[in-house]
């Protein structure tokens, strides 16, 4: 298990409540949920840095390059699914408030 660091984070009340609800829905602790939100961005950055590092020196059709680009696309697709879900929730809340 990797080392953990405990620290305090301040969030707007509505965002903190949303995070607690999402963590509960997913069966995660709040810390685990927040980490799961941050980790894809960290991985995405590392993959992009790797692609920049190999740059033009790598064959643009190499399996390694395709694998990295595929992983980036999967992260971006998950981000899109998350955005869609947030929009659905906002639409439901807006519709309920209008009724």
C-alpha atoms as a PDB file:
ATOM      1  CA  UNK A   1       0.000   0.000   0.000  1.00  0.00           C
ATOM      2  CA  UNK A   2       1.304   3.451  -0.835  1.00  0.00           C
ATOM      3  CA  UNK A   3       1.846   6.090   1.806  1.00  0.00           C
ATOM      4  CA  UNK A   4      -1.025   8.406   2.581  1.00  0.00           C
ATOM      5  CA  UNK A   5      -1.008  12.025   3.624  1.00  0.00           C
ATOM      6  CA  UNK A   6      -3.785  13.496   5.668  1.00  0.00           C
ATOM      7  CA  UNK A   7      -4.645  17.136   5.014  1.00  0.00           C
ATOM      8  CA  UNK A   8      -7.594  19.486   5.156  1.00  0.00           C
ATOM      9  CA  UNK A   9      -9.525  20.632   2.092  1.00  0.00           C
ATOM     10  CA  UNK A  10     -12.119  23.413   2.002  1.00  0.00           C
ATOM     11  CA  UNK A  11     -14.972  23.129  -0.497  1.00  0.00           C
ATOM     12  CA  UNK A  12     -18.182  25.064  -1.071  1.00  0.00           C
ATOM     13  CA  UNK A  13     -20.922  23.400   0.985  1.00  0.00           C
ATOM     14  CA  UNK A  14     -22.882  22.194  -2.043  1.00  0.00           C
ATOM     15  CA  UNK A  15     -19.796  20.646  -3.604  1.00  0.00           C
ATOM     16  CA  UNK A  16     -18.851  18.952  -0.335  1.00  0.00           C
ATOM     17  CA  UNK A  17     -22.366  17.528  -0.041  1.00  0.00           C
ATOM     18  CA  UNK A  18     -22.260  16.307  -3.631  1.00  0.00           C
ATOM     19  CA  UNK A  19     -18.904  14.605  -2.988  1.00  0.00           C
ATOM     20  CA  UNK A  20     -20.264  12.875   0.119  1.00  0.00           C
ATOM     21  CA  UNK A  21     -23.338  11.670  -1.782  1.00  0.00           C
ATOM     22  CA  UNK A  22     -21.303  10.371  -4.730  1.00  0.00           C
ATOM     23  CA  UNK A  23     -18.871   8.613  -2.395  1.00  0.00           C
ATOM     24  CA  UNK A  24     -21.765   6.908  -0.617  1.00  0.00           C
ATOM     25  CA  UNK A  25     -23.396   5.927  -3.927  1.00  0.00           C
ATOM     26  CA  UNK A  26     -20.142   4.344  -5.051  1.00  0.00           C
ATOM     27  CA  UNK A  27     -19.522   2.655  -1.694  1.00  0.00           C
ATOM     28  CA  UNK A  28     -16.306   4.608  -1.149  1.00  0.00           C
ATOM     29  CA  UNK A  29     -14.924   6.699   1.631  1.00  0.00           C
ATOM     30  CA  UNK A  30     -14.828  10.405   0.849  1.00  0.00           C
ATOM     31  CA  UNK A  31     -11.037  10.200   0.602  1.00  0.00           C
ATOM     32  CA  UNK A  32     -11.191   7.295  -1.839  1.00  0.00           C
ATOM     33  CA  UNK A  33     -13.812   9.076  -3.937  1.00  0.00           C
ATOM     34  CA  UNK A  34     -11.761  12.278  -4.157  1.00  0.00           C
ATOM     35  CA  UNK A  35      -8.660  10.265  -5.036  1.00  0.00           C
ATOM     36  CA  UNK A  36     -10.609   8.507  -7.799  1.00  0.00           C
ATOM     37  CA  UNK A  37     -11.530  11.911  -9.219  1.00  0.00           C
ATOM     38  CA  UNK A  38      -7.930  13.150  -9.207  1.00  0.00           C
ATOM     39  CA  UNK A  39      -6.101  10.017 -10.359  1.00  0.00           C
ATOM     40  CA  UNK A  40      -7.346  10.035 -13.989  1.00  0.00           C
ATOM     41  CA  UNK A  41      -6.067  13.580 -14.480  1.00  0.00           C
ATOM     42  CA  UNK A  42      -2.678  12.602 -13.074  1.00  0.00           C
ATOM     43  CA  UNK A  43      -2.530   9.561 -15.368  1.00  0.00           C
ATOM     44  CA  UNK A  44      -3.624  11.645 -18.343  1.00  0.00           C
ATOM     45  CA  UNK A  45      -0.858  14.164 -17.698  1.00  0.00           C
ATOM     46  CA  UNK A  46       1.760  11.412 -17.435  1.00  0.00           C
ATOM     47  CA  UNK A  47       0.598   9.847 -20.696  1.00  0.00           C
ATOM     48  CA  UNK A  48       0.648  13.179 -22.522  1.00  0.00           C
ATOM     49  CA  UNK A  49       4.126  13.916 -21.176  1.00  0.00           C
ATOM     50  CA  UNK A  50       5.241  10.502 -22.387  1.00  0.00           C
ATOM     51  CA  UNK A  51       3.874  11.183 -25.863  1.00  0.00           C
ATOM     52  CA  UNK A  52       5.655  14.546 -25.934  1.00  0.00           C
ATOM     53  CA  UNK A  53       8.855  12.881 -24.772  1.00  0.00           C
ATOM     54  CA  UNK A  54       8.871  10.285 -27.514  1.00  0.00           C
ATOM     55  CA  UNK A  55       7.577  12.871 -29.978  1.00  0.00           C
ATOM     56  CA  UNK A  56       8.665  12.401 -33.540  1.00  0.00           C
ATOM     57  CA  UNK A  57      11.312   9.844 -32.594  1.00  0.00           C
ATOM     58  CA  UNK A  58       8.665   7.141 -32.283  1.00  0.00           C
ATOM     59  CA  UNK A  59       7.006   5.491 -35.208  1.00  0.00           C
ATOM     60  CA  UNK A  60       3.496   6.974 -35.347  1.00  0.00           C
ATOM     61  CA  UNK A  61       2.137   3.470 -35.965  1.00  0.00           C
ATOM     62  CA  UNK A  62       4.011   1.723 -33.158  1.00  0.00           C
ATOM     63  CA  UNK A  63       1.959  -0.503 -30.832  1.00  0.00           C
ATOM     64  CA  UNK A  64       3.325   1.410 -27.822  1.00  0.00           C
ATOM     65  CA  UNK A  65       2.082   4.746 -29.189  1.00  0.00           C
ATOM     66  CA  UNK A  66      -1.333   3.245 -30.024  1.00  0.00           C
ATOM     67  CA  UNK A  67      -1.582   1.801 -26.500  1.00  0.00           C
ATOM     68  CA  UNK A  68      -0.842   5.182 -24.913  1.00  0.00           C
ATOM     69  CA  UNK A  69      -3.272   6.994 -27.197  1.00  0.00           C
ATOM     70  CA  UNK A  70      -5.934   4.363 -26.474  1.00  0.00           C
ATOM     71  CA  UNK A  71      -5.506   4.832 -22.735  1.00  0.00           C
ATOM     72  CA  UNK A  72      -5.817   8.601 -23.163  1.00  0.00           C
ATOM     73  CA  UNK A  73      -9.003   8.138 -25.194  1.00  0.00           C
ATOM     74  CA  UNK A  74     -10.438   5.846 -22.498  1.00  0.00           C
ATOM     75  CA  UNK A  75      -9.769   8.484 -19.820  1.00  0.00           C
ATOM     76  CA  UNK A  76     -11.361  11.173 -21.977  1.00  0.00           C
ATOM     77  CA  UNK A  77     -14.388   8.931 -22.602  1.00  0.00           C
ATOM     78  CA  UNK A  78     -14.811   8.410 -18.868  1.00  0.00           C
ATOM     79  CA  UNK A  79     -14.599  12.189 -18.378  1.00  0.00           C
ATOM     80  CA  UNK A  80     -17.347  12.599 -20.992  1.00  0.00           C
ATOM     81  CA  UNK A  81     -19.538   9.998 -19.250  1.00  0.00           C
ATOM     82  CA  UNK A  82     -19.051  11.870 -15.974  1.00  0.00           C
ATOM     83  CA  UNK A  83     -20.029  15.175 -17.620  1.00  0.00           C
ATOM     84  CA  UNK A  84     -23.137  13.566 -19.107  1.00  0.00           C
ATOM     85  CA  UNK A  85     -24.170  12.229 -15.701  1.00  0.00           C
ATOM     86  CA  UNK A  86     -23.661  15.646 -14.065  1.00  0.00           C
ATOM     87  CA  UNK A  87     -25.780  17.268 -16.773  1.00  0.00           C
ATOM     88  CA  UNK A  88     -28.522  14.680 -16.279  1.00  0.00           C
ATOM     89  CA  UNK A  89     -28.519  15.382 -12.548  1.00  0.00           C
ATOM     90  CA  UNK A  90     -28.616  19.144 -13.135  1.00  0.00           C
ATOM     91  CA  UNK A  91     -31.495  18.753 -15.586  1.00  0.00           C
ATOM     92  CA  UNK A  92     -33.450  16.599 -13.110  1.00  0.00           C
ATOM     93  CA  UNK A  93     -32.862  19.106 -10.307  1.00  0.00           C
ATOM     94  CA  UNK A  94     -33.849  22.005 -12.551  1.00  0.00           C
ATOM     95  CA  UNK A  95     -36.984  20.220 -13.731  1.00  0.00           C
ATOM     96  CA  UNK A  96     -37.982  19.343 -10.168  1.00  0.00           C
ATOM     97  CA  UNK A  97     -37.409  22.923  -9.014  1.00  0.00           C
ATOM     98  CA  UNK A  98     -39.557  24.252 -11.869  1.00  0.00           C
ATOM     99  CA  UNK A  99     -42.510  22.027 -10.936  1.00  0.00           C
END
